[in-house]
Amino acid sequence: MKTMWAPWRMEYILDEKETGCIFCKALGEEDNLTLYMDKESLIVMNKFPYINGHLLVAPARHLSAMDQLSIVEMGILMKRVEQSVDVLKKVMVPDGFNIGLNLGKVAGAGVEEHLHFHVVPRWFGDTNALTVFADVRVIPEHFIATYNNLKPYFNKINKNI
């Protein structure tokens, strides 16, 4: 039998479970999830990523549907998605990306009350039989290391589009 060693998971297991909107909380304080924020948008790391570098791009306004966004907000969100892809290309050198939006619980939205885009870098061979048969993902880099690698690039993003 092989053992998968992931001691950093103990912090998650023992921590109190969060309540309320994670995006609204991130707007109120910068933490080790928030890579970028301005008055219209924010970019945070996914606390439960599919793979390293899995980012979430959300409007600052707490809303749950695309038709609630203004044209300007939609443009800003798309620009933040583009900027996220650019940073991830520079820092993590992925082979491709999955970019998506889950609207509603049935569509897989984990935080359905606050609209957000997923930006997921992908590499050839990043999934294997462990994911398919055991429903286990291996995240090879510690969360804080990924944050520290990405944050300086997000600090350089111009807040004026």
C-alpha atoms as a PDB file:
ATOM      1  CA  MET A   1       0.000   0.000   0.000  1.00  0.00           C
ATOM      2  CA  LYS A   2       1.204   3.519  -0.792  1.00  0.00           C
ATOM      3  CA  THR A   3       0.634   6.471   1.505  1.00  0.00           C
ATOM      4  CA  MET A   4      -0.172   9.946   0.246  1.00  0.00           C
ATOM      5  CA  TRP A   5       1.320  12.429   2.740  1.00  0.00           C
ATOM      6  CA  ALA A   6      -0.555  15.759   3.001  1.00  0.00           C
ATOM      7  CA  PRO A   7      -0.048  17.197   6.526  1.00  0.00           C
ATOM      8  CA  TRP A   8      -1.342  20.652   5.542  1.00  0.00           C
ATOM      9  CA  ARG A   9      -4.853  19.148   5.239  1.00  0.00           C
ATOM     10  CA  MET A  10      -5.037  18.907   9.052  1.00  0.00           C
ATOM     11  CA  GLU A  11      -5.456  22.691   9.226  1.00  0.00           C
ATOM     12  CA  TYR A  12      -8.560  22.399   7.019  1.00  0.00           C
ATOM     13  CA  ILE A  13      -9.932  19.463   9.023  1.00  0.00           C
ATOM     14  CA  LEU A  14      -9.564  21.232  12.376  1.00  0.00           C
ATOM     15  CA  ASP A  15     -10.548  24.752  11.272  1.00  0.00           C
ATOM     16  CA  GLU A  16     -14.016  26.115  11.886  1.00  0.00           C
ATOM     17  CA  LYS A  17     -16.062  25.914   8.702  1.00  0.00           C
ATOM     18  CA  GLU A  18     -16.649  29.252   6.997  1.00  0.00           C
ATOM     19  CA  THR A  19     -20.069  30.839   6.795  1.00  0.00           C
ATOM     20  CA  GLY A  20     -21.156  33.690   4.553  1.00  0.00           C
ATOM     21  CA  CYS A  21     -19.930  34.720   1.127  1.00  0.00           C
ATOM     22  CA  ILE A  22     -16.228  34.011   0.604  1.00  0.00           C
ATOM     23  CA  PHE A  23     -15.969  36.728  -2.058  1.00  0.00           C
ATOM     24  CA  CYS A  24     -17.532  39.440   0.085  1.00  0.00           C
ATOM     25  CA  LYS A  25     -15.211  38.433   2.935  1.00  0.00           C
ATOM     26  CA  ALA A  26     -12.214  38.652   0.592  1.00  0.00           C
ATOM     27  CA  LEU A  27     -13.248  42.191  -0.399  1.00  0.00           C
ATOM     28  CA  GLY A  28     -13.194  43.197   3.257  1.00  0.00           C
ATOM     29  CA  GLU A  29      -9.678  42.015   3.971  1.00  0.00           C
ATOM     30  CA  GLU A  30      -6.674  40.872   2.014  1.00  0.00           C
ATOM     31  CA  ASP A  31      -5.520  37.407   2.969  1.00  0.00           C
ATOM     32  CA  ASN A  32      -3.564  34.511   1.545  1.00  0.00           C
ATOM     33  CA  LEU A  33      -6.372  33.811  -0.931  1.00  0.00           C
ATOM     34  CA  THR A  34      -6.748  37.276  -2.455  1.00  0.00           C
ATOM     35  CA  LEU A  35      -4.380  37.969  -5.323  1.00  0.00           C
ATOM     36  CA  TYR A  36      -6.041  41.127  -6.644  1.00  0.00           C
ATOM     37  CA  MET A  37      -8.945  43.438  -5.867  1.00  0.00           C
ATOM     38  CA  ASP A  38     -10.296  46.772  -6.942  1.00  0.00           C
ATOM     39  CA  LYS A  39     -13.688  48.465  -6.637  1.00  0.00           C
ATOM     40  CA  GLU A  40     -15.210  46.359  -9.460  1.00  0.00           C
ATOM     41  CA  SER A  41     -13.577  42.937  -9.183  1.00  0.00           C
ATOM     42  CA  LEU A  42     -11.398  40.492  -7.334  1.00  0.00           C
ATOM     43  CA  ILE A  43      -9.220  37.500  -8.102  1.00  0.00           C
ATOM     44  CA  VAL A  44      -8.760  34.856  -5.419  1.00  0.00           C
ATOM     45  CA  MET A  45      -7.171  31.441  -5.239  1.00  0.00           C
ATOM     46  CA  ASN A  46      -9.628  28.585  -4.932  1.00  0.00           C
ATOM     47  CA  LYS A  47      -9.291  27.204  -1.399  1.00  0.00           C
ATOM     48  CA  PHE A  48     -10.292  23.757  -2.709  1.00  0.00           C
ATOM     49  CA  PRO A  49      -8.549  23.709  -6.110  1.00  0.00           C
ATOM     50  CA  TYR A  50      -8.791  21.120  -8.853  1.00  0.00           C
ATOM     51  CA  ILE A  51      -5.078  21.756  -9.357  1.00  0.00           C
ATOM     52  CA  ASN A  52      -2.454  24.355  -8.386  1.00  0.00           C
ATOM     53  CA  GLY A  53      -3.221  27.803  -9.766  1.00  0.00           C
ATOM     54  CA  HIS A  54      -7.020  27.333  -9.822  1.00  0.00           C
ATOM     55  CA  LEU A  55      -8.259  30.946  -9.599  1.00  0.00           C
ATOM     56  CA  LEU A  56     -11.680  32.522  -9.125  1.00  0.00           C
ATOM     57  CA  VAL A  57     -12.573  35.854 -10.755  1.00  0.00           C
ATOM     58  CA  ALA A  58     -15.626  37.620  -9.345  1.00  0.00           C
ATOM     59  CA  PRO A  59     -17.387  40.974  -9.494  1.00  0.00           C
ATOM     60  CA  ALA A  60     -17.170  43.089  -6.345  1.00  0.00           C
ATOM     61  CA  ARG A  61     -20.958  43.371  -6.303  1.00  0.00           C
ATOM     62  CA  HIS A  62     -22.726  40.455  -4.642  1.00  0.00           C
ATOM     63  CA  LEU A  63     -24.896  39.055  -7.421  1.00  0.00           C
ATOM     64  CA  SER A  64     -25.724  35.623  -8.730  1.00  0.00           C
ATOM     65  CA  ALA A  65     -26.670  35.993 -12.403  1.00  0.00           C
ATOM     66  CA  MET A  66     -24.993  37.280 -15.535  1.00  0.00           C
ATOM     67  CA  ASP A  67     -27.950  39.481 -16.455  1.00  0.00           C
ATOM     68  CA  GLN A  68     -27.357  41.442 -13.238  1.00  0.00           C
ATOM     69  CA  LEU A  69     -23.941  42.592 -14.484  1.00  0.00           C
ATOM     70  CA  SER A  70     -23.590  45.903 -16.268  1.00  0.00           C
ATOM     71  CA  ILE A  71     -21.810  45.955 -19.630  1.00  0.00           C
ATOM     72  CA  VAL A  72     -18.849  47.646 -17.918  1.00  0.00           C
ATOM     73  CA  GLU A  73     -18.710  44.994 -15.172  1.00  0.00           C
ATOM     74  CA  MET A  74     -18.812  42.200 -17.757  1.00  0.00           C
ATOM     75  CA  GLY A  75     -15.931  43.805 -19.630  1.00  0.00           C
ATOM     76  CA  ILE A  76     -13.910  44.184 -16.442  1.00  0.00           C
ATOM     77  CA  LEU A  77     -14.509  40.543 -15.475  1.00  0.00           C
ATOM     78  CA  MET A  78     -13.397  39.336 -18.903  1.00  0.00           C
ATOM     79  CA  LYS A  79     -10.288  41.518 -18.624  1.00  0.00           C
ATOM     80  CA  ARG A  80      -9.510  40.014 -15.176  1.00  0.00           C
ATOM     81  CA  VAL A  81      -9.935  36.506 -16.615  1.00  0.00           C
ATOM     82  CA  GLU A  82      -7.530  37.432 -19.427  1.00  0.00           C
ATOM     83  CA  GLN A  83      -5.038  38.894 -16.928  1.00  0.00           C
ATOM     84  CA  SER A  84      -5.292  35.768 -14.773  1.00  0.00           C
ATOM     85  CA  VAL A  85      -4.488  33.586 -17.780  1.00  0.00           C
ATOM     86  CA  ASP A  86      -1.528  35.832 -18.627  1.00  0.00           C
ATOM     87  CA  VAL A  87      -0.073  35.607 -15.096  1.00  0.00           C
ATOM     88  CA  LEU A  88      -0.579  31.846 -14.920  1.00  0.00           C
ATOM     89  CA  LYS A  89       1.149  31.440 -18.308  1.00  0.00           C
ATOM     90  CA  LYS A  90       4.167  33.391 -17.058  1.00  0.00           C
ATOM     91  CA  VAL A  91       4.447  31.795 -13.628  1.00  0.00           C
ATOM     92  CA  MET A  92       3.176  28.235 -14.011  1.00  0.00           C
ATOM     93  CA  VAL A  93       3.632  27.576 -17.769  1.00  0.00           C
ATOM     94  CA  PRO A  94       0.528  25.395 -18.285  1.00  0.00           C
ATOM     95  CA  ASP A  95      -0.285  23.592 -21.526  1.00  0.00           C
ATOM     96  CA  GLY A  96      -3.845  24.957 -21.587  1.00  0.00           C
ATOM     97  CA  PHE A  97      -6.767  26.239 -19.500  1.00  0.00           C
ATOM     98  CA  ASN A  98     -10.305  25.419 -18.481  1.00  0.00           C
ATOM     99  CA  ILE A  99     -12.273  28.636 -18.008  1.00  0.00           C
ATOM    100  CA  GLY A 100     -15.863  28.462 -16.917  1.00  0.00           C
ATOM    101  CA  LEU A 101     -18.830  29.696 -14.971  1.00  0.00           C
ATOM    102  CA  ASN A 102     -21.174  27.448 -12.971  1.00  0.00           C
ATOM    103  CA  LEU A 103     -24.623  29.011 -12.564  1.00  0.00           C
ATOM    104  CA  GLY A 104     -26.765  27.281  -9.953  1.00  0.00           C
ATOM    105  CA  LYS A 105     -26.130  24.364  -7.618  1.00  0.00           C
ATOM    106  CA  VAL A 106     -27.219  21.791 -10.223  1.00  0.00           C
ATOM    107  CA  ALA A 107     -24.478  23.152 -12.531  1.00  0.00           C
ATOM    108  CA  GLY A 108     -21.829  22.659  -9.860  1.00  0.00           C
ATOM    109  CA  ALA A 109     -21.732  26.124  -8.291  1.00  0.00           C
ATOM    110  CA  GLY A 110     -20.159  25.805  -4.855  1.00  0.00           C
ATOM    111  CA  VAL A 111     -20.890  29.466  -4.087  1.00  0.00           C
ATOM    112  CA  GLU A 112     -24.025  30.044  -6.109  1.00  0.00           C
ATOM    113  CA  GLU A 113     -24.956  33.374  -4.500  1.00  0.00           C
ATOM    114  CA  HIS A 114     -21.892  35.232  -5.867  1.00  0.00           C
ATOM    115  CA  LEU A 115     -21.149  34.867  -9.575  1.00  0.00           C
ATOM    116  CA  HIS A 116     -17.541  33.867 -10.336  1.00  0.00           C
ATOM    117  CA  PHE A 117     -15.431  32.485 -13.159  1.00  0.00           C
ATOM    118  CA  HIS A 118     -13.036  29.580 -12.695  1.00  0.00           C
ATOM    119  CA  VAL A 119      -9.626  29.831 -14.361  1.00  0.00           C
ATOM    120  CA  VAL A 120      -7.939  26.432 -14.155  1.00  0.00           C
ATOM    121  CA  PRO A 121      -4.473  25.870 -15.626  1.00  0.00           C
ATOM    122  CA  ARG A 122      -3.985  22.406 -17.168  1.00  0.00           C
ATOM    123  CA  TRP A 123      -0.924  20.349 -17.994  1.00  0.00           C
ATOM    124  CA  PHE A 124      -0.580  17.199 -20.054  1.00  0.00           C
ATOM    125  CA  GLY A 125      -0.792  14.299 -17.600  1.00  0.00           C
ATOM    126  CA  ASP A 126      -2.262  16.342 -14.721  1.00  0.00           C
ATOM    127  CA  THR A 127      -4.995  13.754 -14.169  1.00  0.00           C
ATOM    128  CA  ASN A 128      -4.493  10.063 -13.659  1.00  0.00           C
ATOM    129  CA  ALA A 129      -6.213   6.895 -12.464  1.00  0.00           C
ATOM    130  CA  LEU A 130      -6.144   8.140  -8.853  1.00  0.00           C
ATOM    131  CA  THR A 131      -8.592  10.900  -9.814  1.00  0.00           C
ATOM    132  CA  VAL A 132     -10.805   8.608 -11.877  1.00  0.00           C
ATOM    133  CA  PHE A 133     -10.970   5.591  -9.541  1.00  0.00           C
ATOM    134  CA  ALA A 134     -10.397   6.990  -6.064  1.00  0.00           C
ATOM    135  CA  ASP A 135     -11.865  10.498  -6.479  1.00  0.00           C
ATOM    136  CA  VAL A 136      -8.568  11.890  -5.170  1.00  0.00           C
ATOM    137  CA  ARG A 137      -6.578  14.775  -6.601  1.00  0.00           C
ATOM    138  CA  VAL A 138      -2.931  15.345  -5.862  1.00  0.00           C
ATOM    139  CA  ILE A 139      -1.974  19.016  -5.519  1.00  0.00           C
ATOM    140  CA  PRO A 140       1.815  19.048  -5.882  1.00  0.00           C
ATOM    141  CA  GLU A 141       2.615  22.523  -4.532  1.00  0.00           C
ATOM    142  CA  HIS A 142       1.708  23.935  -1.119  1.00  0.00           C
ATOM    143  CA  PHE A 143      -1.031  26.592  -1.251  1.00  0.00           C
ATOM    144  CA  ILE A 144       1.156  29.330   0.279  1.00  0.00           C
ATOM    145  CA  ALA A 145       3.977  28.646  -2.198  1.00  0.00           C
ATOM    146  CA  THR A 146       1.533  29.073  -5.102  1.00  0.00           C
ATOM    147  CA  TYR A 147       0.234  32.323  -3.569  1.00  0.00           C
ATOM    148  CA  ASN A 148       3.775  33.668  -3.073  1.00  0.00           C
ATOM    149  CA  ASN A 149       4.673  32.849  -6.681  1.00  0.00           C
ATOM    150  CA  LEU A 150       1.556  34.505  -8.154  1.00  0.00           C
ATOM    151  CA  LYS A 151       1.052  37.553  -5.903  1.00  0.00           C
ATOM    152  CA  PRO A 152       3.908  39.745  -7.256  1.00  0.00           C
ATOM    153  CA  TYR A 153       2.490  39.443 -10.783  1.00  0.00           C
ATOM    154  CA  PHE A 154      -1.015  40.383  -9.667  1.00  0.00           C
ATOM    155  CA  ASN A 155       0.431  43.362  -7.797  1.00  0.00           C
ATOM    156  CA  LYS A 156       1.569  44.703 -11.184  1.00  0.00           C
ATOM    157  CA  ILE A 157      -1.914  44.624 -12.759  1.00  0.00           C
ATOM    158  CA  ASN A 158      -3.109  48.099 -13.609  1.00  0.00           C
ATOM    159  CA  LYS A 159      -6.372  48.789 -11.790  1.00  0.00           C
ATOM    160  CA  ASN A 160      -7.458  51.128 -14.581  1.00  0.00           C
ATOM    161  CA  ILE A 161      -8.660  49.295 -17.662  1.00  0.00           C
END
